[in-house]
Structure formats: C-alpha cells, structure tokens
Amino acid sequence: MTKRPVTPGYIVFYILFSTETWRIVLGFIFAAVLTPRILPPELSSIARALVYVMVATIGYSLAGRPARWITDALKRVILGNRHSDT
C-alpha cells in the first residue's frame, strides 16, 4: 500500500468520513437538546457543565450505529462506486 501525501483535502475527507467525528457531533447535539430539559434551575454552573458532559458522553456512546449510517451515506454520495467496505 502506498502512502498518500497529507494534504488539506485529505484531512477534510478523513474527518468527514470518520465515524468518530459523527459520534462526537451527535453527542454534542444530544447534550444540547436533552440537557436543558432535564436540568433543575437551582444547579450551579459547575454542576450544569458536568451534566452536559455526562449527557454528551451518553450521546456519543449511543451514536455508534447512526454515525456509521452517516459515513456510509456520505461515501456513497461523494465517492460513488469507487469505494466499498464490504
């Protein structure tokens, strides 16, 4: 296997096609949507931050399969038939 040169385009596509990127994004979205609904108003800012991190971590762990679906769909749309994982 030949080593590819690391170019800005290569980095962008690597990030775009990585399931970890989408798991992180979905974890943040999960936390941003769900946490304000479950937080009691009397929590301190440190406790709020901790709950956001906890909910984002739970969202990250739940986003494995949806992240894989997103990356597979992006590969099909952008790369077409040139790429197959199976």
C-alpha atoms as a PDB file:
ATOM      1  CA  MET A   1       0.000   0.000   0.000  1.00  0.00           C
ATOM      2  CA  THR A   2       1.430   3.366  -0.959  1.00  0.00           C
ATOM      3  CA  LYS A   3       1.481   6.216   1.481  1.00  0.00           C
ATOM      4  CA  ARG A   4      -0.710   9.136   0.491  1.00  0.00           C
ATOM      5  CA  PRO A   5       0.539  12.694   0.907  1.00  0.00           C
ATOM      6  CA  VAL A   6      -1.220  14.579   3.685  1.00  0.00           C
ATOM      7  CA  THR A   7      -2.987  17.478   2.029  1.00  0.00           C
ATOM      8  CA  PRO A   8      -5.747  19.746   3.352  1.00  0.00           C
ATOM      9  CA  GLY A   9      -8.280  17.919   1.157  1.00  0.00           C
ATOM     10  CA  TYR A  10      -7.166  14.562   2.529  1.00  0.00           C
ATOM     11  CA  ILE A  11      -7.592  15.838   6.098  1.00  0.00           C
ATOM     12  CA  VAL A  12     -11.071  17.215   5.348  1.00  0.00           C
ATOM     13  CA  PHE A  13     -12.224  13.945   3.787  1.00  0.00           C
ATOM     14  CA  TYR A  14     -10.649  11.914   6.594  1.00  0.00           C
ATOM     15  CA  ILE A  15     -12.604  13.942   9.159  1.00  0.00           C
ATOM     16  CA  LEU A  16     -15.779  13.806   7.060  1.00  0.00           C
ATOM     17  CA  PHE A  17     -15.633  10.017   6.592  1.00  0.00           C
ATOM     18  CA  SER A  18     -14.659   9.204  10.181  1.00  0.00           C
ATOM     19  CA  THR A  19     -17.381   7.659  12.327  1.00  0.00           C
ATOM     20  CA  GLU A  20     -15.761   9.176  15.414  1.00  0.00           C
ATOM     21  CA  THR A  21     -16.386  12.682  14.062  1.00  0.00           C
ATOM     22  CA  TRP A  22     -20.078  11.973  13.670  1.00  0.00           C
ATOM     23  CA  ARG A  23     -20.301  10.294  17.083  1.00  0.00           C
ATOM     24  CA  ILE A  24     -18.826  13.431  18.671  1.00  0.00           C
ATOM     25  CA  VAL A  25     -21.160  15.729  16.713  1.00  0.00           C
ATOM     26  CA  LEU A  26     -24.214  13.620  17.573  1.00  0.00           C
ATOM     27  CA  GLY A  27     -23.130  13.509  21.231  1.00  0.00           C
ATOM     28  CA  PHE A  28     -22.954  17.309  21.325  1.00  0.00           C
ATOM     29  CA  ILE A  29     -26.347  17.603  19.632  1.00  0.00           C
ATOM     30  CA  PHE A  30     -27.822  15.076  22.062  1.00  0.00           C
ATOM     31  CA  ALA A  31     -26.483  17.095  25.001  1.00  0.00           C
ATOM     32  CA  ALA A  32     -27.594  20.443  23.591  1.00  0.00           C
ATOM     33  CA  VAL A  33     -31.146  19.207  23.005  1.00  0.00           C
ATOM     34  CA  LEU A  34     -31.708  16.994  26.030  1.00  0.00           C
ATOM     35  CA  THR A  35     -29.771  18.602  28.881  1.00  0.00           C
ATOM     36  CA  PRO A  36     -31.753  21.875  29.155  1.00  0.00           C
ATOM     37  CA  ARG A  37     -34.919  19.785  29.505  1.00  0.00           C
ATOM     38  CA  ILE A  38     -33.616  17.722  32.429  1.00  0.00           C
ATOM     39  CA  LEU A  39     -31.648  20.316  34.416  1.00  0.00           C
ATOM     40  CA  PRO A  40     -33.211  21.741  37.549  1.00  0.00           C
ATOM     41  CA  PRO A  41     -32.822  25.548  37.671  1.00  0.00           C
ATOM     42  CA  GLU A  42     -31.025  25.603  41.030  1.00  0.00           C
ATOM     43  CA  LEU A  43     -27.855  23.828  39.818  1.00  0.00           C
ATOM     44  CA  SER A  44     -24.543  25.671  39.915  1.00  0.00           C
ATOM     45  CA  SER A  45     -22.604  26.293  36.712  1.00  0.00           C
ATOM     46  CA  ILE A  46     -20.097  23.539  37.554  1.00  0.00           C
ATOM     47  CA  ALA A  47     -22.901  21.036  38.086  1.00  0.00           C
ATOM     48  CA  ARG A  48     -24.527  22.151  34.828  1.00  0.00           C
ATOM     49  CA  ALA A  49     -21.262  21.645  32.951  1.00  0.00           C
ATOM     50  CA  LEU A  50     -20.866  18.203  34.483  1.00  0.00           C
ATOM     51  CA  VAL A  51     -24.374  17.182  33.411  1.00  0.00           C
ATOM     52  CA  TYR A  52     -23.706  18.463  29.870  1.00  0.00           C
ATOM     53  CA  VAL A  53     -20.507  16.378  29.693  1.00  0.00           C
ATOM     54  CA  MET A  54     -22.280  13.306  31.072  1.00  0.00           C
ATOM     55  CA  VAL A  55     -25.166  13.584  28.606  1.00  0.00           C
ATOM     56  CA  ALA A  56     -22.754  14.231  25.707  1.00  0.00           C
ATOM     57  CA  THR A  57     -20.838  11.085  26.672  1.00  0.00           C
ATOM     58  CA  ILE A  58     -24.043   9.060  26.749  1.00  0.00           C
ATOM     59  CA  GLY A  59     -24.999  10.530  23.362  1.00  0.00           C
ATOM     60  CA  TYR A  60     -21.568   9.609  21.986  1.00  0.00           C
ATOM     61  CA  SER A  61     -21.957   6.030  23.126  1.00  0.00           C
ATOM     62  CA  LEU A  62     -25.462   5.749  21.640  1.00  0.00           C
ATOM     63  CA  ALA A  63     -24.457   7.282  18.294  1.00  0.00           C
ATOM     64  CA  GLY A  64     -22.355   4.376  17.017  1.00  0.00           C
ATOM     65  CA  ARG A  65     -24.796   2.949  14.507  1.00  0.00           C
ATOM     66  CA  PRO A  66     -26.218   6.313  13.300  1.00  0.00           C
ATOM     67  CA  ALA A  67     -22.656   7.577  12.781  1.00  0.00           C
ATOM     68  CA  ARG A  68     -21.872   4.528  10.666  1.00  0.00           C
ATOM     69  CA  TRP A  69     -25.020   5.139   8.589  1.00  0.00           C
ATOM     70  CA  ILE A  70     -23.999   8.775   8.045  1.00  0.00           C
ATOM     71  CA  THR A  71     -20.466   7.906   6.927  1.00  0.00           C
ATOM     72  CA  ASP A  72     -21.706   5.129   4.641  1.00  0.00           C
ATOM     73  CA  ALA A  73     -24.220   7.516   3.044  1.00  0.00           C
ATOM     74  CA  LEU A  74     -21.553  10.210   2.577  1.00  0.00           C
ATOM     75  CA  LYS A  75     -19.186   7.703   0.992  1.00  0.00           C
ATOM     76  CA  ARG A  76     -21.906   6.565  -1.413  1.00  0.00           C
ATOM     77  CA  VAL A  77     -22.827  10.137  -2.355  1.00  0.00           C
ATOM     78  CA  ILE A  78     -19.311  11.569  -2.627  1.00  0.00           C
ATOM     79  CA  LEU A  79     -17.244   8.582  -3.734  1.00  0.00           C
ATOM     80  CA  GLY A  80     -19.918   6.645  -5.576  1.00  0.00           C
ATOM     81  CA  ASN A  81     -18.990   3.101  -6.607  1.00  0.00           C
ATOM     82  CA  ARG A  82     -15.247   3.704  -6.181  1.00  0.00           C
ATOM     83  CA  HIS A  83     -15.453   2.773  -2.510  1.00  0.00           C
ATOM     84  CA  SER A  84     -16.807  -0.306  -0.817  1.00  0.00           C
ATOM     85  CA  ASP A  85     -16.203  -1.531   2.726  1.00  0.00           C
ATOM     86  CA  THR A  86     -17.730  -4.946   2.161  1.00  0.00           C
END
